Amino acid sequence: MFISNTRQIKMKNRDRAEINAMILDIARHSKVTKTKIMYRAYLSYNKLEEYLTDLGESELLEFEVGAQTYRTTEKGKRYLEIHSRMNELISINRETVF
């Protein structure tokens, strides 16, 4: 899925949308802790806090207080689908140009 693609490109410079998608993908299938997200997304603690706050305020990611875990919301899953489609279109466009 998304994470394996990112690892294949040797962690190029990532934009905000790319990092948001990575975090949402990590929390997509199961509830995960902040630590797991931080290590899997290759983010510092401060940057992770910033992204988690933004994703939570945008209602793309939700935090379960009792379990101290994060989970991607339905809105977040739609974001991932759109992000994936955009990446496909960009790669198709690059193939036709070159």
C-alpha atoms as a PDB file:
ATOM      1  CA  MET A   1       0.000   0.000   0.000  1.00  0.00           C
ATOM      2  CA  PHE A   2       1.111   3.589   0.567  1.00  0.00           C
ATOM      3  CA  ILE A   3       3.885   2.903   3.074  1.00  0.00           C
ATOM      4  CA  SER A   4       5.690   0.396   0.888  1.00  0.00           C
ATOM      5  CA  ASN A   5       5.649   2.894  -1.979  1.00  0.00           C
ATOM      6  CA  THR A   6       7.233   5.523   0.254  1.00  0.00           C
ATOM      7  CA  ARG A   7       9.969   3.157   1.392  1.00  0.00           C
ATOM      8  CA  GLN A   8      10.733   2.292  -2.221  1.00  0.00           C
ATOM      9  CA  ILE A   9      11.452   5.915  -3.044  1.00  0.00           C
ATOM     10  CA  LYS A  10      14.011   6.180  -0.237  1.00  0.00           C
ATOM     11  CA  MET A  11      12.094   8.742   1.815  1.00  0.00           C
ATOM     12  CA  LYS A  12      12.345  11.606  -0.660  1.00  0.00           C
ATOM     13  CA  ASN A  13      11.413  15.082   0.499  1.00  0.00           C
ATOM     14  CA  ARG A  14       7.780  14.726   1.485  1.00  0.00           C
ATOM     15  CA  ASP A  15       5.146  17.389   1.286  1.00  0.00           C
ATOM     16  CA  ARG A  16       2.394  17.864   3.829  1.00  0.00           C
ATOM     17  CA  ALA A  17      -0.173  15.872   1.850  1.00  0.00           C
ATOM     18  CA  GLU A  18       2.251  12.958   1.580  1.00  0.00           C
ATOM     19  CA  ILE A  19       2.888  12.882   5.337  1.00  0.00           C
ATOM     20  CA  ASN A  20      -0.815  13.246   6.131  1.00  0.00           C
ATOM     21  CA  ALA A  21      -1.576  10.296   3.857  1.00  0.00           C
ATOM     22  CA  MET A  22       1.169   8.218   5.464  1.00  0.00           C
ATOM     23  CA  ILE A  23      -0.191   8.843   8.972  1.00  0.00           C
ATOM     24  CA  LEU A  24      -3.755   8.096   7.889  1.00  0.00           C
ATOM     25  CA  ASP A  25      -2.645   4.904   6.184  1.00  0.00           C
ATOM     26  CA  ILE A  26      -0.800   3.749   9.303  1.00  0.00           C
ATOM     27  CA  ALA A  27      -3.961   4.223  11.411  1.00  0.00           C
ATOM     28  CA  ARG A  28      -6.318   2.932   8.733  1.00  0.00           C
ATOM     29  CA  HIS A  29      -6.645  -0.761   9.585  1.00  0.00           C
ATOM     30  CA  SER A  30      -6.203  -0.755  13.347  1.00  0.00           C
ATOM     31  CA  LYS A  31      -5.888   1.560  16.280  1.00  0.00           C
ATOM     32  CA  VAL A  32      -2.284   2.643  16.794  1.00  0.00           C
ATOM     33  CA  THR A  33      -0.353   4.529  19.424  1.00  0.00           C
ATOM     34  CA  LYS A  34       1.425   7.810  18.908  1.00  0.00           C
ATOM     35  CA  THR A  35       4.791   6.036  19.186  1.00  0.00           C
ATOM     36  CA  LYS A  36       3.973   3.583  16.398  1.00  0.00           C
ATOM     37  CA  ILE A  37       2.866   6.407  14.118  1.00  0.00           C
ATOM     38  CA  MET A  38       6.012   8.390  14.899  1.00  0.00           C
ATOM     39  CA  TYR A  39       8.352   5.510  14.028  1.00  0.00           C
ATOM     40  CA  ARG A  40       6.446   4.252  10.985  1.00  0.00           C
ATOM     41  CA  ALA A  41       6.062   7.746   9.508  1.00  0.00           C
ATOM     42  CA  TYR A  42       9.681   8.714  10.292  1.00  0.00           C
ATOM     43  CA  LEU A  43       8.716  11.894  12.145  1.00  0.00           C
ATOM     44  CA  SER A  44      10.141  13.681  15.154  1.00  0.00           C
ATOM     45  CA  TYR A  45       7.884  13.955  18.186  1.00  0.00           C
ATOM     46  CA  ASN A  46       7.301  17.695  17.639  1.00  0.00           C
ATOM     47  CA  LYS A  47       6.387  17.257  13.974  1.00  0.00           C
ATOM     48  CA  LEU A  48       4.129  14.328  14.823  1.00  0.00           C
ATOM     49  CA  GLU A  49       2.263  16.438  17.380  1.00  0.00           C
ATOM     50  CA  GLU A  50       1.707  19.111  14.735  1.00  0.00           C
ATOM     51  CA  TYR A  51       0.345  16.620  12.202  1.00  0.00           C
ATOM     52  CA  LEU A  52      -1.856  14.786  14.711  1.00  0.00           C
ATOM     53  CA  THR A  53      -3.384  18.073  15.828  1.00  0.00           C
ATOM     54  CA  ASP A  54      -4.122  19.144  12.250  1.00  0.00           C
ATOM     55  CA  LEU A  55      -5.538  15.747  11.262  1.00  0.00           C
ATOM     56  CA  GLY A  56      -7.709  15.672  14.390  1.00  0.00           C
ATOM     57  CA  GLU A  57      -9.046  19.190  13.828  1.00  0.00           C
ATOM     58  CA  SER A  58      -9.846  18.249  10.217  1.00  0.00           C
ATOM     59  CA  GLU A  59     -11.723  15.167  11.467  1.00  0.00           C
ATOM     60  CA  LEU A  60      -9.517  12.854   9.404  1.00  0.00           C
ATOM     61  CA  LEU A  61      -8.066  11.099  12.454  1.00  0.00           C
ATOM     62  CA  GLU A  62      -9.670  10.431  15.812  1.00  0.00           C
ATOM     63  CA  PHE A  63      -8.104   9.856  19.207  1.00  0.00           C
ATOM     64  CA  GLU A  64      -9.519   7.336  21.665  1.00  0.00           C
ATOM     65  CA  VAL A  65      -8.758   8.775  25.101  1.00  0.00           C
ATOM     66  CA  GLY A  66      -9.166   5.596  27.188  1.00  0.00           C
ATOM     67  CA  ALA A  67      -6.912   3.482  24.972  1.00  0.00           C
ATOM     68  CA  GLN A  68      -4.578   6.346  23.989  1.00  0.00           C
ATOM     69  CA  THR A  69      -4.795   5.277  20.330  1.00  0.00           C
ATOM     70  CA  TYR A  70      -5.532   6.862  16.957  1.00  0.00           C
ATOM     71  CA  ARG A  71      -7.790   5.652  14.170  1.00  0.00           C
ATOM     72  CA  THR A  72      -8.500   6.966  10.680  1.00  0.00           C
ATOM     73  CA  THR A  73     -12.068   8.211  10.294  1.00  0.00           C
ATOM     74  CA  GLU A  74     -14.308   7.592   7.275  1.00  0.00           C
ATOM     75  CA  LYS A  75     -13.477  11.109   6.118  1.00  0.00           C
ATOM     76  CA  GLY A  76      -9.778  10.228   6.449  1.00  0.00           C
ATOM     77  CA  LYS A  77     -10.279   7.087   4.358  1.00  0.00           C
ATOM     78  CA  ARG A  78     -11.887   9.197   1.624  1.00  0.00           C
ATOM     79  CA  TYR A  79      -8.861  11.518   1.794  1.00  0.00           C
ATOM     80  CA  LEU A  80      -6.592   8.505   1.237  1.00  0.00           C
ATOM     81  CA  GLU A  81      -8.620   7.384  -1.780  1.00  0.00           C
ATOM     82  CA  ILE A  82      -8.468  10.828  -3.355  1.00  0.00           C
ATOM     83  CA  HIS A  83      -4.753  11.163  -2.589  1.00  0.00           C
ATOM     84  CA  SER A  84      -4.101   7.789  -4.216  1.00  0.00           C
ATOM     85  CA  ARG A  85      -6.085   8.727  -7.331  1.00  0.00           C
ATOM     86  CA  MET A  86      -4.211  12.016  -7.653  1.00  0.00           C
ATOM     87  CA  ASN A  87      -0.867  10.197  -7.436  1.00  0.00           C
ATOM     88  CA  GLU A  88      -2.013   7.770 -10.145  1.00  0.00           C
ATOM     89  CA  LEU A  89      -3.015  10.648 -12.410  1.00  0.00           C
ATOM     90  CA  ILE A  90       0.276  12.414 -11.837  1.00  0.00           C
ATOM     91  CA  SER A  91       2.253   9.279 -12.652  1.00  0.00           C
ATOM     92  CA  ILE A  92       0.171   8.632 -15.803  1.00  0.00           C
ATOM     93  CA  ASN A  93       0.755  12.239 -16.869  1.00  0.00           C
ATOM     94  CA  ARG A  94       4.524  11.897 -16.324  1.00  0.00           C
ATOM     95  CA  GLU A  95       4.610   8.698 -18.379  1.00  0.00           C
ATOM     96  CA  THR A  96       2.928  10.372 -21.344  1.00  0.00           C
ATOM     97  CA  VAL A  97       5.192  13.428 -21.170  1.00  0.00           C
ATOM     98  CA  PHE A  98       8.423  11.457 -21.096  1.00  0.00           C
END
